[in-house]
């Protein structure tokens, strides 16, 4: 496993934690990263920058992800998929990693930590993010703000994850013993 891939896994753990709980203190997060990276300074800095950048730009990344997965609210996505998308989205939008590498790394994270449908879903959303010019998002955001409309043009071809066991209020047929 590449060292940067391991750094991304550690960042994913911290993003997951920040999503379901309060974020760690940045000093504590860096200590956690340093311990997992076994003191390797360059990788610790890479992971710390990735975490900090993803958290700082979370709203901007989320806005674009919402536009690309229009029939699937971020809040309803499995936590792992949502944070893999945030990490990959940050790398595509703001990072120095080549876009295709960011997408591939996100897919590998999805294969390892998501369910069987996660890699396809992550690939679809991040591929659209990578191939949609930033101006298209800026124009769409301006149009939406002026019209105050919740619908997104072109939503008929949006990417949706398959049901992967996330509790979205639907009965999944499991017998929970309640009669």
Foldseek 3Di string as FASTA:
>chain_A
DDLLLQLVVLLLVQQLCCVVHPHDDLVVSLVVSCVSSVNPVVSSVVSSCLNVQLVVCVVVQQLLLCLQQVVAHLVQDDSSLSSLSSSLSSCLPPNPDPNVVSLVSSLVSCVVPNDPQSSVLSNRSSVVSNPDDPVVSVVQVVVCVVVVDSDGPPCVPHGHTDDRPGPPPDDPPDCPPDD
